């Protein structure tokens, strides 16, 4: 099982994130080192959303814990977030591979 943590950013996030970015990135890389976070980054034109992909024994809880502690959330850079399970079926790292 994987989990997707989706962030919605404030309109002025490019300006407001700078003071929080070093701590946010440090926390993200620490989650990678613990084997919880696979990938993270911004999506779309703008971008107005962020996606982080979690794995491990309880990826949804890891995603929620990350968001709760993230300075982007506490500082208002992120206006809302969701953490949802993602059933992956295709790819070398799929949690439940399904082949034809």
C-alpha atoms as a PDB file:
ATOM      1  CA  UNK A   1       0.000   0.000   0.000  1.00  0.00           C
ATOM      2  CA  UNK A   2       1.052   3.545  -0.690  1.00  0.00           C
ATOM      3  CA  UNK A   3      -0.479   6.844   0.365  1.00  0.00           C
ATOM      4  CA  UNK A   4      -0.789  10.166  -1.408  1.00  0.00           C
ATOM      5  CA  UNK A   5      -0.503  13.353   0.602  1.00  0.00           C
ATOM      6  CA  UNK A   6      -1.929  16.232  -1.411  1.00  0.00           C
ATOM      7  CA  UNK A   7      -1.338  19.857  -0.488  1.00  0.00           C
ATOM      8  CA  UNK A   8      -3.230  22.916  -1.675  1.00  0.00           C
ATOM      9  CA  UNK A   9      -0.987  25.973  -1.494  1.00  0.00           C
ATOM     10  CA  UNK A  10      -1.936  29.550  -0.671  1.00  0.00           C
ATOM     11  CA  UNK A  11      -1.915  31.919  -3.639  1.00  0.00           C
ATOM     12  CA  UNK A  12       1.200  33.652  -2.301  1.00  0.00           C
ATOM     13  CA  UNK A  13       3.042  30.432  -1.443  1.00  0.00           C
ATOM     14  CA  UNK A  14       6.139  31.337  -3.477  1.00  0.00           C
ATOM     15  CA  UNK A  15       6.746  34.268  -1.161  1.00  0.00           C
ATOM     16  CA  UNK A  16       5.611  32.721   2.129  1.00  0.00           C
ATOM     17  CA  UNK A  17       7.347  29.353   1.771  1.00  0.00           C
ATOM     18  CA  UNK A  18      10.891  30.732   1.822  1.00  0.00           C
ATOM     19  CA  UNK A  19      11.087  31.084   5.598  1.00  0.00           C
ATOM     20  CA  UNK A  20       9.816  27.502   6.089  1.00  0.00           C
ATOM     21  CA  UNK A  21      11.429  25.749   3.132  1.00  0.00           C
ATOM     22  CA  UNK A  22      14.719  24.608   4.756  1.00  0.00           C
ATOM     23  CA  UNK A  23      12.885  22.926   7.660  1.00  0.00           C
ATOM     24  CA  UNK A  24      10.238  21.475   5.331  1.00  0.00           C
ATOM     25  CA  UNK A  25      12.885  19.957   3.049  1.00  0.00           C
ATOM     26  CA  UNK A  26      14.893  18.646   6.013  1.00  0.00           C
ATOM     27  CA  UNK A  27      11.796  16.866   7.340  1.00  0.00           C
ATOM     28  CA  UNK A  28      11.040  15.453   3.887  1.00  0.00           C
ATOM     29  CA  UNK A  29      14.552  14.064   3.431  1.00  0.00           C
ATOM     30  CA  UNK A  30      14.438  12.576   6.938  1.00  0.00           C
ATOM     31  CA  UNK A  31      11.191  10.809   5.962  1.00  0.00           C
ATOM     32  CA  UNK A  32      12.981   9.474   2.871  1.00  0.00           C
ATOM     33  CA  UNK A  33      15.819   8.172   5.035  1.00  0.00           C
ATOM     34  CA  UNK A  34      13.298   6.414   7.307  1.00  0.00           C
ATOM     35  CA  UNK A  35      11.831   4.691   4.233  1.00  0.00           C
ATOM     36  CA  UNK A  36       8.466   6.462   4.498  1.00  0.00           C
ATOM     37  CA  UNK A  37       8.560   9.045   1.713  1.00  0.00           C
ATOM     38  CA  UNK A  38       9.226   7.971  -1.875  1.00  0.00           C
ATOM     39  CA  UNK A  39       8.700  11.180  -3.845  1.00  0.00           C
ATOM     40  CA  UNK A  40       7.458  14.692  -3.279  1.00  0.00           C
ATOM     41  CA  UNK A  41       7.054  17.889  -5.235  1.00  0.00           C
ATOM     42  CA  UNK A  42       4.752  20.426  -6.811  1.00  0.00           C
ATOM     43  CA  UNK A  43       2.429  19.602  -9.700  1.00  0.00           C
ATOM     44  CA  UNK A  44       0.747  21.616 -12.395  1.00  0.00           C
ATOM     45  CA  UNK A  45       1.237  25.063 -13.784  1.00  0.00           C
ATOM     46  CA  UNK A  46       1.503  27.585 -11.069  1.00  0.00           C
ATOM     47  CA  UNK A  47       1.851  25.208  -9.136  1.00  0.00           C
ATOM     48  CA  UNK A  48      -0.938  25.318  -6.631  1.00  0.00           C
ATOM     49  CA  UNK A  49      -0.679  21.740  -5.396  1.00  0.00           C
ATOM     50  CA  UNK A  50       1.925  19.443  -3.968  1.00  0.00           C
ATOM     51  CA  UNK A  51       2.004  15.656  -3.944  1.00  0.00           C
ATOM     52  CA  UNK A  52       4.017  13.418  -1.649  1.00  0.00           C
ATOM     53  CA  UNK A  53       3.994   9.632  -2.014  1.00  0.00           C
ATOM     54  CA  UNK A  54       4.426   7.555   1.147  1.00  0.00           C
ATOM     55  CA  UNK A  55       5.101   3.854   1.667  1.00  0.00           C
ATOM     56  CA  UNK A  56       5.794   1.521   4.573  1.00  0.00           C
ATOM     57  CA  UNK A  57       3.751  -0.344   7.135  1.00  0.00           C
ATOM     58  CA  UNK A  58       1.184   2.424   7.588  1.00  0.00           C
ATOM     59  CA  UNK A  59       1.700   5.015   4.851  1.00  0.00           C
ATOM     60  CA  UNK A  60      -1.535   6.938   5.489  1.00  0.00           C
ATOM     61  CA  UNK A  61      -0.571   7.506   9.117  1.00  0.00           C
ATOM     62  CA  UNK A  62       2.966   8.480   8.057  1.00  0.00           C
ATOM     63  CA  UNK A  63       1.506  11.001   5.603  1.00  0.00           C
ATOM     64  CA  UNK A  64      -0.826  12.448   8.242  1.00  0.00           C
ATOM     65  CA  UNK A  65       2.000  12.718  10.764  1.00  0.00           C
ATOM     66  CA  UNK A  66       4.188  14.450   8.194  1.00  0.00           C
ATOM     67  CA  UNK A  67       1.498  16.999   7.334  1.00  0.00           C
ATOM     68  CA  UNK A  68       0.638  17.663  10.963  1.00  0.00           C
ATOM     69  CA  UNK A  69       4.279  18.478  11.758  1.00  0.00           C
ATOM     70  CA  UNK A  70       5.088  20.265   8.478  1.00  0.00           C
ATOM     71  CA  UNK A  71       5.978  23.957   8.897  1.00  0.00           C
ATOM     72  CA  UNK A  72       4.315  24.623   5.530  1.00  0.00           C
ATOM     73  CA  UNK A  73       1.004  23.629   7.138  1.00  0.00           C
ATOM     74  CA  UNK A  74       1.597  25.466  10.429  1.00  0.00           C
ATOM     75  CA  UNK A  75       2.831  28.573   8.598  1.00  0.00           C
ATOM     76  CA  UNK A  76      -0.124  28.817   6.220  1.00  0.00           C
ATOM     77  CA  UNK A  77       1.822  27.982   3.045  1.00  0.00           C
ATOM     78  CA  UNK A  78      -0.502  24.967   2.740  1.00  0.00           C
ATOM     79  CA  UNK A  79      -4.168  25.902   3.075  1.00  0.00           C
ATOM     80  CA  UNK A  80      -5.527  22.346   3.093  1.00  0.00           C
ATOM     81  CA  UNK A  81      -4.283  18.772   2.776  1.00  0.00           C
ATOM     82  CA  UNK A  82      -5.571  15.234   2.374  1.00  0.00           C
ATOM     83  CA  UNK A  83      -3.885  11.900   2.989  1.00  0.00           C
ATOM     84  CA  UNK A  84      -5.429   8.992   1.102  1.00  0.00           C
ATOM     85  CA  UNK A  85      -4.525   5.368   0.496  1.00  0.00           C
ATOM     86  CA  UNK A  86      -3.299   4.560  -2.996  1.00  0.00           C
ATOM     87  CA  UNK A  87      -3.571   0.972  -4.195  1.00  0.00           C
ATOM     88  CA  UNK A  88      -0.696   0.629  -6.655  1.00  0.00           C
ATOM     89  CA  UNK A  89      -0.919  -2.235  -9.154  1.00  0.00           C
ATOM     90  CA  UNK A  90       1.512  -1.431 -11.994  1.00  0.00           C
ATOM     91  CA  UNK A  91       5.238  -0.788 -11.781  1.00  0.00           C
ATOM     92  CA  UNK A  92       8.298  -2.246 -10.145  1.00  0.00           C
ATOM     93  CA  UNK A  93       7.390  -0.688  -6.790  1.00  0.00           C
ATOM     94  CA  UNK A  94       3.663  -1.481  -6.895  1.00  0.00           C
ATOM     95  CA  UNK A  95       2.409  -2.680  -3.533  1.00  0.00           C
ATOM     96  CA  UNK A  96       0.012  -5.206  -5.093  1.00  0.00           C
ATOM     97  CA  UNK A  97       1.234  -5.907  -8.633  1.00  0.00           C
ATOM     98  CA  UNK A  98      -1.375  -7.139 -11.096  1.00  0.00           C
ATOM     99  CA  UNK A  99      -0.131  -8.519 -14.381  1.00  0.00           C
ATOM    100  CA  UNK A 100      -2.213  -9.592 -17.359  1.00  0.00           C
END
